[in-house]
Amino acid sequence: PENRLLARMNVRRLDAESIRDAILL
Protein backbone atom coordinates (compact mmCIF):
# COMPACT_ATOMS: atom_id res chain seq x y z
CA PRO A 1 0.00 0.00 0.00
CA GLU A 2 2.90 2.45 0.59
CA ASN A 3 4.53 1.55 -2.73
CA ARG A 4 7.89 0.91 -1.09
CA LEU A 5 8.63 -1.73 -3.73
CA LEU A 6 7.98 0.76 -6.56
CA ALA A 7 5.43 -1.11 -8.64
CA ARG A 8 4.38 2.36 -9.89
CA MET A 9 5.70 5.91 -9.75
CA ASN A 10 4.70 7.95 -6.73
CA VAL A 11 2.48 10.96 -7.15
CA ARG A 12 4.52 13.93 -5.94
CA ARG A 13 3.49 17.13 -4.21
CA LEU A 14 5.07 20.36 -5.41
CA ASP A 15 7.48 21.65 -2.80
CA ALA A 16 7.51 25.22 -1.48
CA GLU A 17 10.25 26.42 -3.84
CA SER A 18 8.42 25.14 -6.92
CA ILE A 19 5.15 26.77 -5.85
CA ARG A 20 6.97 30.05 -5.19
CA ASP A 21 8.72 29.93 -8.57
CA ALA A 22 5.43 29.12 -10.33
CA ILE A 23 3.81 32.20 -8.78
CA LEU A 24 6.74 34.38 -9.77
CA LEU A 25 6.76 32.94 -13.29
PDB file of all heavy atoms in Angstrom:
ATOM      1  N   PRO A   1       0.806  -1.229   0.000  1.00  0.00           N
ATOM      2  CA  PRO A   1       0.000   0.000   0.000  1.00  0.00           C
ATOM      3  C   PRO A   1       0.844   1.287   0.000  1.00  0.00           C
ATOM      4  O   PRO A   1       0.398   2.316  -0.509  1.00  0.00           O
ATOM      5  CB  PRO A   1      -0.830  -0.120   1.285  1.00  0.00           C
ATOM      6  CG  PRO A   1      -0.120  -1.128   2.127  1.00  0.00           C
ATOM      7  CD  PRO A   1       0.534  -2.071   1.177  1.00  0.00           C
ATOM      8  N   GLU A   2       2.053   1.249   0.556  1.00  0.00           N
ATOM      9  CA  GLU A   2       2.896   2.451   0.594  1.00  0.00           C
ATOM     10  C   GLU A   2       3.813   2.551  -0.624  1.00  0.00           C
ATOM     11  O   GLU A   2       4.589   3.504  -0.744  1.00  0.00           O
ATOM     12  CB  GLU A   2       3.740   2.465   1.868  1.00  0.00           C
ATOM     13  CG  GLU A   2       2.896   2.589   3.142  1.00  0.00           C
ATOM     14  CD  GLU A   2       3.758   2.628   4.386  1.00  0.00           C
ATOM     15  OE1 GLU A   2       5.007   2.504   4.255  1.00  0.00           O
ATOM     16  OE2 GLU A   2       3.215   2.798   5.478  1.00  0.00           O
ATOM     17  N   ASN A   3       3.735   1.568  -1.506  1.00  0.00           N
ATOM     18  CA  ASN A   3       4.525   1.548  -2.730  1.00  0.00           C
ATOM     19  C   ASN A   3       6.025   1.601  -2.447  1.00  0.00           C
ATOM     20  O   ASN A   3       6.795   2.202  -3.194  1.00  0.00           O
ATOM     21  CB  ASN A   3       4.130   2.719  -3.654  1.00  0.00           C
ATOM     22  CG  ASN A   3       4.662   2.529  -5.069  1.00  0.00           C
ATOM     23  OD1 ASN A   3       4.704   1.416  -5.591  1.00  0.00           O
ATOM     24  ND2 ASN A   3       5.081   3.623  -5.692  1.00  0.00           N
ATOM     25  N   ARG A   4       6.465   0.943  -1.390  1.00  0.00           N
ATOM     26  CA  ARG A   4       7.895   0.907  -1.086  1.00  0.00           C
ATOM     27  C   ARG A   4       8.651   0.078  -2.134  1.00  0.00           C
ATOM     28  O   ARG A   4       9.835   0.320  -2.369  1.00  0.00           O
ATOM     29  CB  ARG A   4       8.133   0.299   0.306  1.00  0.00           C
ATOM     30  CG  ARG A   4       7.648   1.137   1.475  1.00  0.00           C
ATOM     31  CD  ARG A   4       8.369   2.473   1.574  1.00  0.00           C
ATOM     32  NE  ARG A   4       9.827   2.378   1.547  1.00  0.00           N
ATOM     33  CZ  ARG A   4      10.584   2.065   2.595  1.00  0.00           C
ATOM     34  NH1 ARG A   4      10.011   1.821   3.771  1.00  0.00           N
ATOM     35  NH2 ARG A   4      11.906   2.016   2.491  1.00  0.00           N
ATOM     36  N   LEU A   5       7.974  -0.863  -2.751  1.00  0.00           N
ATOM     37  CA  LEU A   5       8.634  -1.726  -3.732  1.00  0.00           C
ATOM     38  C   LEU A   5       8.594  -1.166  -5.150  1.00  0.00           C
ATOM     39  O   LEU A   5       9.083  -1.793  -6.085  1.00  0.00           O
ATOM     40  CB  LEU A   5       8.009  -3.126  -3.695  1.00  0.00           C
ATOM     41  CG  LEU A   5       8.069  -3.811  -2.327  1.00  0.00           C
ATOM     42  CD1 LEU A   5       7.416  -5.177  -2.385  1.00  0.00           C
ATOM     43  CD2 LEU A   5       9.513  -3.942  -1.849  1.00  0.00           C
ATOM     44  N   LEU A   6       7.953   0.008  -5.311  1.00  0.00           N
ATOM     45  CA  LEU A   6       7.983   0.762  -6.564  1.00  0.00           C
ATOM     46  C   LEU A   6       7.362   0.018  -7.743  1.00  0.00           C
ATOM     47  O   LEU A   6       7.933  -0.062  -8.830  1.00  0.00           O
ATOM     48  CB  LEU A   6       9.423   1.169  -6.905  1.00  0.00           C
ATOM     49  CG  LEU A   6      10.105   2.065  -5.861  1.00  0.00           C
ATOM     50  CD1 LEU A   6      11.567   2.287  -6.221  1.00  0.00           C
ATOM     51  CD2 LEU A   6       9.390   3.391  -5.725  1.00  0.00           C
ATOM     52  N   ALA A   7       6.170  -0.518  -7.526  1.00  0.00           N
ATOM     53  CA  ALA A   7       5.429  -1.113  -8.640  1.00  0.00           C
ATOM     54  C   ALA A   7       4.873  -0.030  -9.559  1.00  0.00           C
ATOM     55  O   ALA A   7       4.458  -0.315 -10.687  1.00  0.00           O
ATOM     56  CB  ALA A   7       4.283  -1.970  -8.102  1.00  0.00           C
ATOM     57  N   ARG A   8       4.831   1.200  -9.102  1.00  0.00           N
ATOM     58  CA  ARG A   8       4.380   2.357  -9.891  1.00  0.00           C
ATOM     59  C   ARG A   8       5.201   3.562  -9.436  1.00  0.00           C
ATOM     60  O   ARG A   8       5.951   3.487  -8.472  1.00  0.00           O
ATOM     61  CB  ARG A   8       2.881   2.620  -9.651  1.00  0.00           C
ATOM     62  CG  ARG A   8       2.545   2.845  -8.181  1.00  0.00           C
ATOM     63  CD  ARG A   8       1.084   3.141  -7.945  1.00  0.00           C
ATOM     64  NE  ARG A   8       0.753   3.142  -6.528  1.00  0.00           N
ATOM     65  CZ  ARG A   8       0.987   4.152  -5.688  1.00  0.00           C
ATOM     66  NH1 ARG A   8       1.567   5.252  -6.141  1.00  0.00           N
ATOM     67  NH2 ARG A   8       0.671   4.052  -4.414  1.00  0.00           N
ATOM     68  N   MET A   9       5.028   4.669 -10.166  1.00  0.00           N
ATOM     69  CA  MET A   9       5.695   5.907  -9.750  1.00  0.00           C
ATOM     70  C   MET A   9       4.822   6.604  -8.709  1.00  0.00           C
ATOM     71  O   MET A   9       3.589   6.557  -8.793  1.00  0.00           O
ATOM     72  CB  MET A   9       5.916   6.823 -10.956  1.00  0.00           C
ATOM     73  CG  MET A   9       6.753   8.043 -10.657  1.00  0.00           C
ATOM     74  SD  MET A   9       8.376   7.601  -9.994  1.00  0.00           S
ATOM     75  CE  MET A   9       9.118   9.213  -9.791  1.00  0.00           C
ATOM     76  N   ASN A  10       5.454   7.219  -7.737  1.00  0.00           N
ATOM     77  CA  ASN A  10       4.701   7.948  -6.727  1.00  0.00           C
ATOM     78  C   ASN A  10       4.193   9.279  -7.268  1.00  0.00           C
ATOM     79  O   ASN A  10       4.896   9.962  -8.020  1.00  0.00           O
ATOM     80  CB  ASN A  10       5.594   8.240  -5.508  1.00  0.00           C
ATOM     81  CG  ASN A  10       5.967   6.989  -4.760  1.00  0.00           C
ATOM     82  OD1 ASN A  10       5.114   6.186  -4.400  1.00  0.00           O
ATOM     83  ND2 ASN A  10       7.262   6.792  -4.539  1.00  0.00           N
ATOM     84  N   VAL A  11       2.974   9.616  -6.875  1.00  0.00           N
ATOM     85  CA  VAL A  11       2.480  10.960  -7.148  1.00  0.00           C
ATOM     86  C   VAL A  11       3.212  11.908  -6.210  1.00  0.00           C
ATOM     87  O   VAL A  11       3.344  11.635  -5.015  1.00  0.00           O
ATOM     88  CB  VAL A  11       0.954  11.046  -6.933  1.00  0.00           C
ATOM     89  CG1 VAL A  11       0.469  12.475  -7.121  1.00  0.00           C
ATOM     90  CG2 VAL A  11       0.246  10.106  -7.893  1.00  0.00           C
ATOM     91  N   ARG A  12       3.690  13.024  -6.736  1.00  0.00           N
ATOM     92  CA  ARG A  12       4.517  13.927  -5.938  1.00  0.00           C
ATOM     93  C   ARG A  12       3.799  15.245  -5.690  1.00  0.00           C
ATOM     94  O   ARG A  12       3.161  15.794  -6.581  1.00  0.00           O
ATOM     95  CB  ARG A  12       5.836  14.214  -6.672  1.00  0.00           C
ATOM     96  CG  ARG A  12       6.642  12.973  -7.024  1.00  0.00           C
ATOM     97  CD  ARG A  12       7.289  12.344  -5.816  1.00  0.00           C
ATOM     98  NE  ARG A  12       8.119  13.317  -5.110  1.00  0.00           N
ATOM     99  CZ  ARG A  12       9.348  13.691  -5.505  1.00  0.00           C
ATOM    100  NH1 ARG A  12       9.860  13.155  -6.590  1.00  0.00           N
ATOM    101  NH2 ARG A  12      10.029  14.571  -4.812  1.00  0.00           N
ATOM    102  N   ARG A  13       3.960  15.773  -4.492  1.00  0.00           N
ATOM    103  CA  ARG A  13       3.494  17.133  -4.206  1.00  0.00           C
ATOM    104  C   ARG A  13       4.558  18.133  -4.677  1.00  0.00           C
ATOM    105  O   ARG A  13       5.743  17.859  -4.601  1.00  0.00           O
ATOM    106  CB  ARG A  13       3.283  17.336  -2.706  1.00  0.00           C
ATOM    107  CG  ARG A  13       2.073  16.632  -2.139  1.00  0.00           C
ATOM    108  CD  ARG A  13       1.951  16.964  -0.661  1.00  0.00           C
ATOM    109  NE  ARG A  13       0.824  16.305  -0.048  1.00  0.00           N
ATOM    110  CZ  ARG A  13      -0.418  16.800  -0.014  1.00  0.00           C
ATOM    111  NH1 ARG A  13      -0.660  17.971  -0.572  1.00  0.00           N
ATOM    112  NH2 ARG A  13      -1.393  16.141   0.555  1.00  0.00           N
ATOM    113  N   LEU A  14       4.123  19.291  -5.146  1.00  0.00           N
ATOM    114  CA  LEU A  14       5.070  20.358  -5.415  1.00  0.00           C
ATOM    115  C   LEU A  14       5.623  20.856  -4.086  1.00  0.00           C
ATOM    116  O   LEU A  14       4.878  21.016  -3.121  1.00  0.00           O
ATOM    117  CB  LEU A  14       4.384  21.522  -6.139  1.00  0.00           C
ATOM    118  CG  LEU A  14       4.219  21.441  -7.649  1.00  0.00           C
ATOM    119  CD1 LEU A  14       3.542  22.699  -8.159  1.00  0.00           C
ATOM    120  CD2 LEU A  14       5.548  21.253  -8.348  1.00  0.00           C
ATOM    121  N   ASP A  15       6.923  21.114  -4.028  1.00  0.00           N
ATOM    122  CA  ASP A  15       7.479  21.653  -2.796  1.00  0.00           C
ATOM    123  C   ASP A  15       7.346  23.180  -2.786  1.00  0.00           C
ATOM    124  O   ASP A  15       6.908  23.800  -3.760  1.00  0.00           O
ATOM    125  CB  ASP A  15       8.941  21.218  -2.617  1.00  0.00           C
ATOM    126  CG  ASP A  15       9.819  21.605  -3.792  1.00  0.00           C
ATOM    127  OD1 ASP A  15       9.476  22.564  -4.499  1.00  0.00           O
ATOM    128  OD2 ASP A  15      10.854  20.950  -3.996  1.00  0.00           O
ATOM    129  N   ALA A  16       7.720  23.788  -1.670  1.00  0.00           N
ATOM    130  CA  ALA A  16       7.507  25.223  -1.479  1.00  0.00           C
ATOM    131  C   ALA A  16       8.244  26.047  -2.538  1.00  0.00           C
ATOM    132  O   ALA A  16       7.699  27.034  -3.056  1.00  0.00           O
ATOM    133  CB  ALA A  16       7.968  25.628  -0.076  1.00  0.00           C
ATOM    134  N   GLU A  17       9.488  25.650  -2.871  1.00  0.00           N
ATOM    135  CA  GLU A  17      10.248  26.422  -3.842  1.00  0.00           C
ATOM    136  C   GLU A  17       9.584  26.403  -5.216  1.00  0.00           C
ATOM    137  O   GLU A  17       9.542  27.415  -5.921  1.00  0.00           O
ATOM    138  CB  GLU A  17      11.684  25.877  -3.954  1.00  0.00           C
ATOM    139  CG  GLU A  17      12.558  26.172  -2.754  1.00  0.00           C
ATOM    140  CD  GLU A  17      12.414  25.121  -1.671  1.00  0.00           C
ATOM    141  OE1 GLU A  17      11.540  24.241  -1.804  1.00  0.00           O
ATOM    142  OE2 GLU A  17      13.174  25.180  -0.687  1.00  0.00           O
ATOM    143  N   SER A  18       9.055  25.243  -5.600  1.00  0.00           N
ATOM    144  CA  SER A  18       8.416  25.137  -6.917  1.00  0.00           C
ATOM    145  C   SER A  18       7.137  25.971  -6.978  1.00  0.00           C
ATOM    146  O   SER A  18       6.846  26.601  -8.001  1.00  0.00           O
ATOM    147  CB  SER A  18       8.103  23.667  -7.232  1.00  0.00           C
ATOM    148  OG  SER A  18       9.281  22.901  -7.228  1.00  0.00           O
ATOM    149  N   ILE A  19       6.380  25.963  -5.887  1.00  0.00           N
ATOM    150  CA  ILE A  19       5.145  26.772  -5.849  1.00  0.00           C
ATOM    151  C   ILE A  19       5.512  28.251  -5.943  1.00  0.00           C
ATOM    152  O   ILE A  19       4.889  29.024  -6.688  1.00  0.00           O
ATOM    153  CB  ILE A  19       4.352  26.473  -4.560  1.00  0.00           C
ATOM    154  CG1 ILE A  19       3.834  25.031  -4.590  1.00  0.00           C
ATOM    155  CG2 ILE A  19       3.204  27.455  -4.398  1.00  0.00           C
ATOM    156  CD1 ILE A  19       3.205  24.572  -3.298  1.00  0.00           C
ATOM    157  N   ARG A  20       6.538  28.643  -5.164  1.00  0.00           N
ATOM    158  CA  ARG A  20       6.967  30.048  -5.188  1.00  0.00           C
ATOM    159  C   ARG A  20       7.404  30.450  -6.599  1.00  0.00           C
ATOM    160  O   ARG A  20       7.015  31.507  -7.111  1.00  0.00           O
ATOM    161  CB  ARG A  20       8.114  30.246  -4.201  1.00  0.00           C
ATOM    162  CG  ARG A  20       8.744  31.630  -4.241  1.00  0.00           C
ATOM    163  CD  ARG A  20       9.958  31.694  -3.324  1.00  0.00           C
ATOM    164  NE  ARG A  20      10.585  32.998  -3.338  1.00  0.00           N
ATOM    165  CZ  ARG A  20      11.475  33.395  -4.226  1.00  0.00           C
ATOM    166  NH1 ARG A  20      11.831  32.574  -5.210  1.00  0.00           N
ATOM    167  NH2 ARG A  20      12.018  34.600  -4.166  1.00  0.00           N
ATOM    168  N   ASP A  21       8.240  29.602  -7.231  1.00  0.00           N
ATOM    169  CA  ASP A  21       8.718  29.926  -8.573  1.00  0.00           C
ATOM    170  C   ASP A  21       7.573  29.988  -9.582  1.00  0.00           C
ATOM    171  O   ASP A  21       7.597  30.809 -10.510  1.00  0.00           O
ATOM    172  CB  ASP A  21       9.746  28.888  -9.031  1.00  0.00           C
ATOM    173  CG  ASP A  21      11.103  29.096  -8.368  1.00  0.00           C
ATOM    174  OD1 ASP A  21      11.237  30.073  -7.595  1.00  0.00           O
ATOM    175  OD2 ASP A  21      12.015  28.292  -8.610  1.00  0.00           O
ATOM    176  N   ALA A  22       6.584  29.114  -9.419  1.00  0.00           N
ATOM    177  CA  ALA A  22       5.430  29.125 -10.333  1.00  0.00           C
ATOM    178  C   ALA A  22       4.668  30.442 -10.226  1.00  0.00           C
ATOM    179  O   ALA A  22       4.251  31.028 -11.230  1.00  0.00           O
ATOM    180  CB  ALA A  22       4.508  27.942 -10.025  1.00  0.00           C
ATOM    181  N   ILE A  23       4.498  30.918  -8.988  1.00  0.00           N
ATOM    182  CA  ILE A  23       3.805  32.197  -8.777  1.00  0.00           C
ATOM    183  C   ILE A  23       4.597  33.338  -9.410  1.00  0.00           C
ATOM    184  O   ILE A  23       4.044  34.211 -10.093  1.00  0.00           O
ATOM    185  CB  ILE A  23       3.596  32.453  -7.263  1.00  0.00           C
ATOM    186  CG1 ILE A  23       2.615  31.425  -6.689  1.00  0.00           C
ATOM    187  CG2 ILE A  23       3.089  33.871  -7.008  1.00  0.00           C
ATOM    188  CD1 ILE A  23       2.527  31.443  -5.177  1.00  0.00           C
ATOM    189  N   LEU A  24       5.907  33.330  -9.197  1.00  0.00           N
ATOM    190  CA  LEU A  24       6.738  34.385  -9.765  1.00  0.00           C
ATOM    191  C   LEU A  24       6.758  34.316 -11.293  1.00  0.00           C
ATOM    192  O   LEU A  24       6.790  35.353 -11.974  1.00  0.00           O
ATOM    193  CB  LEU A  24       8.163  34.274  -9.220  1.00  0.00           C
ATOM    194  CG  LEU A  24       8.335  34.585  -7.728  1.00  0.00           C
ATOM    195  CD1 LEU A  24       9.768  34.308  -7.288  1.00  0.00           C
ATOM    196  CD2 LEU A  24       7.971  36.034  -7.433  1.00  0.00           C
ATOM    197  N   LEU A  25       6.718  33.097 -11.837  1.00  0.00           N
ATOM    198  CA  LEU A  25       6.760  32.944 -13.287  1.00  0.00           C
ATOM    199  C   LEU A  25       5.519  33.544 -13.943  1.00  0.00           C
ATOM    200  O   LEU A  25       5.617  34.312 -14.901  1.00  0.00           O
ATOM    201  CB  LEU A  25       6.892  31.460 -13.660  1.00  0.00           C
ATOM    202  CG  LEU A  25       6.946  31.173 -15.165  1.00  0.00           C
ATOM    203  CD1 LEU A  25       8.241  31.705 -15.759  1.00  0.00           C
ATOM    204  CD2 LEU A  25       6.818  29.684 -15.443  1.00  0.00           C
TER     205      LEU A  25
END
